[in-house]
Amino acid sequence: MPVLAPPVYDVQKSFLEAMAEYEAEGRGAPGDFSNIGSDMRVWSATWSSPEVFRTFVDGLRAQALEETPRPASFVPTTVLWWVEGADYLGRLNIRQRLAPGEAGQRNGHIGYDVRPSARRQGHATAMLAAALPLAASLGLPRVLVTCDAGNEASRRTIERNGGVADAPIGEKLRYWITTAR
């Protein structure tokens, strides 16, 4: 059974296979502003090296710390991977507070991504459900989760987890979810 866990070194092979799947669907291009897209642009040429992958994983884990250097518009973020044994299935980020300005309202507290070969198997719904108690433990009684208006699968995932619609911002649908149940 998959679990939501901090990034680990022992899924490198599966992680790289997942990144190849993302690349095959066009992720990582300059216009891909997702966490995965950004990571692909920075790391994909080198993260097949075990040492580089270790540095990458350590950097993801450090994002949760307040003292970790980051751009002014970024906030401490708990990065978690959805894994089953040595299989990487997806990623979920919990922003420990909303980013300043409209960016925080557009991106929300939680973002997630399931690798292409693992989609349509309930992983996104299960990941988000598993993240809600963790968000509560970070002091977030409710979280803002957003998705693109055309992303029906993500909209259903959010609604299955108790998402209550708020006013959209542009193409972003916005939902609030209570974390403590």
C-alpha atoms as a PDB file:
ATOM      1  CA  MET A   1       0.000   0.000   0.000  1.00  0.00           C
ATOM      2  CA  PRO A   2       1.446   3.418  -0.925  1.00  0.00           C
ATOM      3  CA  VAL A   3       2.457   5.886   1.779  1.00  0.00           C
ATOM      4  CA  LEU A   4       3.135   9.599   1.862  1.00  0.00           C
ATOM      5  CA  ALA A   5       6.722   9.995   3.077  1.00  0.00           C
ATOM      6  CA  PRO A   6       9.605  12.460   2.972  1.00  0.00           C
ATOM      7  CA  PRO A   7      11.733  12.069  -0.187  1.00  0.00           C
ATOM      8  CA  VAL A   8      14.066   9.071   0.019  1.00  0.00           C
ATOM      9  CA  TYR A   9      17.167   7.946  -1.849  1.00  0.00           C
ATOM     10  CA  ASP A  10      16.142   4.353  -2.510  1.00  0.00           C
ATOM     11  CA  VAL A  11      13.502   5.174  -5.140  1.00  0.00           C
ATOM     12  CA  GLN A  12      15.986   6.788  -7.550  1.00  0.00           C
ATOM     13  CA  LYS A  13      15.455   4.263 -10.358  1.00  0.00           C
ATOM     14  CA  SER A  14      11.656   4.554 -10.232  1.00  0.00           C
ATOM     15  CA  PHE A  15      11.857   8.332  -9.787  1.00  0.00           C
ATOM     16  CA  LEU A  16      13.963   8.661 -12.952  1.00  0.00           C
ATOM     17  CA  GLU A  17      11.486   6.453 -14.841  1.00  0.00           C
ATOM     18  CA  ALA A  18       8.676   8.745 -13.667  1.00  0.00           C
ATOM     19  CA  MET A  19      10.591  11.830 -14.812  1.00  0.00           C
ATOM     20  CA  ALA A  20      11.020  10.208 -18.252  1.00  0.00           C
ATOM     21  CA  GLU A  21       7.226   9.726 -18.347  1.00  0.00           C
ATOM     22  CA  TYR A  22       6.715  13.398 -17.496  1.00  0.00           C
ATOM     23  CA  GLU A  23       9.223  14.429 -20.143  1.00  0.00           C
ATOM     24  CA  ALA A  24       7.393  12.288 -22.744  1.00  0.00           C
ATOM     25  CA  GLU A  25       4.207  14.263 -22.059  1.00  0.00           C
ATOM     26  CA  GLY A  26       6.049  17.577 -22.484  1.00  0.00           C
ATOM     27  CA  ARG A  27       6.780  18.479 -18.862  1.00  0.00           C
ATOM     28  CA  GLY A  28       9.904  20.439 -17.988  1.00  0.00           C
ATOM     29  CA  ALA A  29       9.598  22.895 -20.881  1.00  0.00           C
ATOM     30  CA  PRO A  30      10.272  26.577 -20.124  1.00  0.00           C
ATOM     31  CA  GLY A  31       6.547  27.302 -19.713  1.00  0.00           C
ATOM     32  CA  ASP A  32       6.034  24.499 -17.152  1.00  0.00           C
ATOM     33  CA  PHE A  33       6.015  26.352 -13.836  1.00  0.00           C
ATOM     34  CA  SER A  34       5.121  23.294 -11.761  1.00  0.00           C
ATOM     35  CA  ASN A  35       7.549  22.008  -9.143  1.00  0.00           C
ATOM     36  CA  ILE A  36       8.256  18.970 -11.276  1.00  0.00           C
ATOM     37  CA  GLY A  37       8.838  21.120 -14.363  1.00  0.00           C
ATOM     38  CA  SER A  38      11.233  23.385 -12.487  1.00  0.00           C
ATOM     39  CA  ASP A  39      13.098  20.440 -10.968  1.00  0.00           C
ATOM     40  CA  MET A  40      13.414  18.811 -14.389  1.00  0.00           C
ATOM     41  CA  ARG A  41      14.988  21.936 -15.874  1.00  0.00           C
ATOM     42  CA  VAL A  42      17.518  22.219 -13.046  1.00  0.00           C
ATOM     43  CA  TRP A  43      18.334  18.595 -12.236  1.00  0.00           C
ATOM     44  CA  SER A  44      17.405  16.236 -15.086  1.00  0.00           C
ATOM     45  CA  ALA A  45      20.795  16.345 -16.788  1.00  0.00           C
ATOM     46  CA  THR A  46      22.568  15.194 -13.601  1.00  0.00           C
ATOM     47  CA  TRP A  47      20.243  13.437 -11.147  1.00  0.00           C
ATOM     48  CA  SER A  48      21.045   9.988 -12.557  1.00  0.00           C
ATOM     49  CA  SER A  49      24.238  10.297 -10.484  1.00  0.00           C
ATOM     50  CA  PRO A  50      23.591   8.845  -7.003  1.00  0.00           C
ATOM     51  CA  GLU A  51      25.512  11.741  -5.400  1.00  0.00           C
ATOM     52  CA  VAL A  52      23.515  14.367  -7.278  1.00  0.00           C
ATOM     53  CA  PHE A  53      20.247  12.574  -6.523  1.00  0.00           C
ATOM     54  CA  ARG A  54      21.182  12.548  -2.833  1.00  0.00           C
ATOM     55  CA  THR A  55      21.813  16.312  -2.994  1.00  0.00           C
ATOM     56  CA  PHE A  56      18.462  16.800  -4.759  1.00  0.00           C
ATOM     57  CA  VAL A  57      16.595  14.759  -2.109  1.00  0.00           C
ATOM     58  CA  ASP A  58      18.364  16.572   0.739  1.00  0.00           C
ATOM     59  CA  GLY A  59      17.383  19.895  -0.848  1.00  0.00           C
ATOM     60  CA  LEU A  60      13.731  18.856  -1.052  1.00  0.00           C
ATOM     61  CA  ARG A  61      13.756  17.860   2.616  1.00  0.00           C
ATOM     62  CA  ALA A  62      15.379  21.182   3.576  1.00  0.00           C
ATOM     63  CA  GLN A  63      12.538  23.146   1.976  1.00  0.00           C
ATOM     64  CA  ALA A  64      10.476  22.485   5.113  1.00  0.00           C
ATOM     65  CA  LEU A  65      12.884  24.453   7.294  1.00  0.00           C
ATOM     66  CA  GLU A  66      12.217  28.135   7.910  1.00  0.00           C
ATOM     67  CA  GLU A  67      15.940  28.947   7.778  1.00  0.00           C
ATOM     68  CA  THR A  68      16.495  27.391   4.331  1.00  0.00           C
ATOM     69  CA  PRO A  69      17.331  30.153   1.837  1.00  0.00           C
ATOM     70  CA  ARG A  70      14.594  30.674  -0.768  1.00  0.00           C
ATOM     71  CA  PRO A  71      13.269  33.401  -3.054  1.00  0.00           C
ATOM     72  CA  ALA A  72      11.189  36.033  -1.234  1.00  0.00           C
ATOM     73  CA  SER A  73       7.979  34.797  -2.859  1.00  0.00           C
ATOM     74  CA  PHE A  74       8.506  31.181  -1.638  1.00  0.00           C
ATOM     75  CA  VAL A  75       7.470  29.826   1.759  1.00  0.00           C
ATOM     76  CA  PRO A  76       8.623  26.796   3.780  1.00  0.00           C
ATOM     77  CA  THR A  77       7.228  23.715   2.076  1.00  0.00           C
ATOM     78  CA  THR A  78       6.977  20.134   3.259  1.00  0.00           C
ATOM     79  CA  VAL A  79       7.712  17.962   0.231  1.00  0.00           C
ATOM     80  CA  LEU A  80       6.369  14.413   0.366  1.00  0.00           C
ATOM     81  CA  TRP A  81       6.534  11.529  -2.066  1.00  0.00           C
ATOM     82  CA  TRP A  82       3.823   8.939  -2.630  1.00  0.00           C
ATOM     83  CA  VAL A  83       5.777   5.688  -2.669  1.00  0.00           C
ATOM     84  CA  GLU A  84       5.122   1.985  -2.518  1.00  0.00           C
ATOM     85  CA  GLY A  85       8.323   0.220  -1.551  1.00  0.00           C
ATOM     86  CA  ALA A  86      10.914   1.368  -4.113  1.00  0.00           C
ATOM     87  CA  ASP A  87       8.241   2.687  -6.504  1.00  0.00           C
ATOM     88  CA  TYR A  88       7.816   6.447  -6.847  1.00  0.00           C
ATOM     89  CA  LEU A  89       4.168   7.201  -7.669  1.00  0.00           C
ATOM     90  CA  GLY A  90       3.839  10.931  -7.095  1.00  0.00           C
ATOM     91  CA  ARG A  91       4.648  14.073  -5.187  1.00  0.00           C
ATOM     92  CA  LEU A  92       2.734  16.329  -2.830  1.00  0.00           C
ATOM     93  CA  ASN A  93       3.806  19.684  -1.394  1.00  0.00           C
ATOM     94  CA  ILE A  94       2.346  21.325   1.703  1.00  0.00           C
ATOM     95  CA  ARG A  95       3.135  25.026   1.838  1.00  0.00           C
ATOM     96  CA  GLN A  96       3.271  25.825   5.529  1.00  0.00           C
ATOM     97  CA  ARG A  97       1.610  29.172   4.889  1.00  0.00           C
ATOM     98  CA  LEU A  98       0.264  30.873   1.809  1.00  0.00           C
ATOM     99  CA  ALA A  99       2.833  32.646  -0.326  1.00  0.00           C
ATOM    100  CA  PRO A 100       2.461  36.434  -0.316  1.00  0.00           C
ATOM    101  CA  GLY A 101       0.091  38.158  -2.724  1.00  0.00           C
ATOM    102  CA  GLU A 102      -1.894  36.594  -5.519  1.00  0.00           C
ATOM    103  CA  ALA A 103       0.610  33.741  -5.917  1.00  0.00           C
ATOM    104  CA  GLY A 104      -0.529  32.253  -2.626  1.00  0.00           C
ATOM    105  CA  GLN A 105      -4.171  32.557  -3.613  1.00  0.00           C
ATOM    106  CA  ARG A 106      -3.489  30.898  -6.984  1.00  0.00           C
ATOM    107  CA  ASN A 107      -1.216  28.106  -5.709  1.00  0.00           C
ATOM    108  CA  GLY A 108      -2.759  27.400  -2.312  1.00  0.00           C
ATOM    109  CA  HIS A 109      -1.301  25.296   0.474  1.00  0.00           C
ATOM    110  CA  ILE A 110      -1.227  21.887  -1.209  1.00  0.00           C
ATOM    111  CA  GLY A 111      -0.172  20.823  -4.680  1.00  0.00           C
ATOM    112  CA  TYR A 112       0.197  17.272  -5.962  1.00  0.00           C
ATOM    113  CA  ASP A 113       1.192  15.356  -9.068  1.00  0.00           C
ATOM    114  CA  VAL A 114       0.871  11.664  -9.935  1.00  0.00           C
ATOM    115  CA  ARG A 115       3.275  10.102 -12.434  1.00  0.00           C
ATOM    116  CA  PRO A 116       1.576   9.405 -15.774  1.00  0.00           C
ATOM    117  CA  SER A 117       1.663   5.577 -15.546  1.00  0.00           C
ATOM    118  CA  ALA A 118       0.005   5.678 -12.085  1.00  0.00           C
ATOM    119  CA  ARG A 119      -2.878   8.027 -12.941  1.00  0.00           C
ATOM    120  CA  ARG A 120      -6.548   7.043 -12.766  1.00  0.00           C
ATOM    121  CA  GLN A 121      -5.880   4.595  -9.935  1.00  0.00           C
ATOM    122  CA  GLY A 122      -7.034   6.763  -7.008  1.00  0.00           C
ATOM    123  CA  HIS A 123      -3.560   7.889  -5.987  1.00  0.00           C
ATOM    124  CA  ALA A 124      -4.262  11.638  -6.040  1.00  0.00           C
ATOM    125  CA  THR A 125      -7.350  11.262  -3.847  1.00  0.00           C
ATOM    126  CA  ALA A 126      -5.461   9.022  -1.406  1.00  0.00           C
ATOM    127  CA  MET A 127      -2.420  11.347  -1.336  1.00  0.00           C
ATOM    128  CA  LEU A 128      -4.522  14.398  -0.572  1.00  0.00           C
ATOM    129  CA  ALA A 129      -6.445  12.518   2.139  1.00  0.00           C
ATOM    130  CA  ALA A 130      -3.155  11.382   3.715  1.00  0.00           C
ATOM    131  CA  ALA A 131      -1.824  14.954   3.633  1.00  0.00           C
ATOM    132  CA  LEU A 132      -4.698  16.556   5.531  1.00  0.00           C
ATOM    133  CA  PRO A 133      -3.687  15.292   9.020  1.00  0.00           C
ATOM    134  CA  LEU A 134      -0.094  16.300   8.263  1.00  0.00           C
ATOM    135  CA  ALA A 135      -1.269  19.796   7.330  1.00  0.00           C
ATOM    136  CA  ALA A 136      -3.210  19.933  10.601  1.00  0.00           C
ATOM    137  CA  SER A 137      -0.047  18.950  12.492  1.00  0.00           C
ATOM    138  CA  LEU A 138       1.722  21.889  10.817  1.00  0.00           C
ATOM    139  CA  GLY A 139      -0.860  24.237  12.354  1.00  0.00           C
ATOM    140  CA  LEU A 140      -3.147  24.542   9.324  1.00  0.00           C
ATOM    141  CA  PRO A 141      -6.791  24.059  10.429  1.00  0.00           C
ATOM    142  CA  ARG A 142      -7.856  24.387   6.802  1.00  0.00           C
ATOM    143  CA  VAL A 143      -5.993  24.439   3.518  1.00  0.00           C
ATOM    144  CA  LEU A 144      -6.499  26.109   0.174  1.00  0.00           C
ATOM    145  CA  VAL A 145      -6.160  23.685  -2.740  1.00  0.00           C
ATOM    146  CA  THR A 146      -6.383  24.920  -6.328  1.00  0.00           C
ATOM    147  CA  CYS A 147      -6.546  23.424  -9.796  1.00  0.00           C
ATOM    148  CA  ASP A 148      -6.900  24.588 -13.365  1.00  0.00           C
ATOM    149  CA  ALA A 149     -10.519  25.023 -14.416  1.00  0.00           C
ATOM    150  CA  GLY A 150     -10.110  22.385 -17.130  1.00  0.00           C
ATOM    151  CA  ASN A 151      -8.559  19.757 -14.837  1.00  0.00           C
ATOM    152  CA  GLU A 152     -11.616  17.623 -14.062  1.00  0.00           C
ATOM    153  CA  ALA A 153      -9.601  14.860 -12.377  1.00  0.00           C
ATOM    154  CA  SER A 154      -8.012  17.279  -9.914  1.00  0.00           C
ATOM    155  CA  ARG A 155     -11.333  19.022  -9.262  1.00  0.00           C
ATOM    156  CA  ARG A 156     -12.916  15.659  -8.387  1.00  0.00           C
ATOM    157  CA  THR A 157      -9.935  14.774  -6.160  1.00  0.00           C
ATOM    158  CA  ILE A 158     -10.352  17.996  -4.203  1.00  0.00           C
ATOM    159  CA  GLU A 159     -14.118  17.615  -3.903  1.00  0.00           C
ATOM    160  CA  ARG A 160     -13.788  13.960  -2.757  1.00  0.00           C
ATOM    161  CA  ASN A 161     -11.605  15.267   0.072  1.00  0.00           C
ATOM    162  CA  GLY A 162     -14.217  17.759   1.239  1.00  0.00           C
ATOM    163  CA  GLY A 163     -13.196  20.770  -0.823  1.00  0.00           C
ATOM    164  CA  VAL A 164     -15.614  23.694  -0.583  1.00  0.00           C
ATOM    165  CA  ALA A 165     -15.484  26.014  -3.582  1.00  0.00           C
ATOM    166  CA  ASP A 166     -14.320  29.609  -3.173  1.00  0.00           C
ATOM    167  CA  ALA A 167     -14.170  32.333  -5.815  1.00  0.00           C
ATOM    168  CA  PRO A 168     -11.889  31.377  -8.714  1.00  0.00           C
ATOM    169  CA  ILE A 169      -8.930  33.516  -9.738  1.00  0.00           C
ATOM    170  CA  GLY A 170      -8.594  33.534 -13.506  1.00  0.00           C
ATOM    171  CA  GLU A 171      -8.318  29.928 -14.705  1.00  0.00           C
ATOM    172  CA  LYS A 172      -7.730  28.626 -11.157  1.00  0.00           C
ATOM    173  CA  LEU A 173     -10.544  26.985  -9.222  1.00  0.00           C
ATOM    174  CA  ARG A 174     -10.062  27.390  -5.479  1.00  0.00           C
ATOM    175  CA  TYR A 175     -11.282  25.130  -2.661  1.00  0.00           C
ATOM    176  CA  TRP A 176     -10.929  25.138   1.109  1.00  0.00           C
ATOM    177  CA  ILE A 177     -10.609  21.831   2.983  1.00  0.00           C
ATOM    178  CA  THR A 178     -10.820  21.428   6.750  1.00  0.00           C
ATOM    179  CA  THR A 179      -7.800  19.401   7.882  1.00  0.00           C
ATOM    180  CA  ALA A 180      -9.023  18.069  11.229  1.00  0.00           C
ATOM    181  CA  ARG A 181     -11.899  15.599  10.924  1.00  0.00           C
END
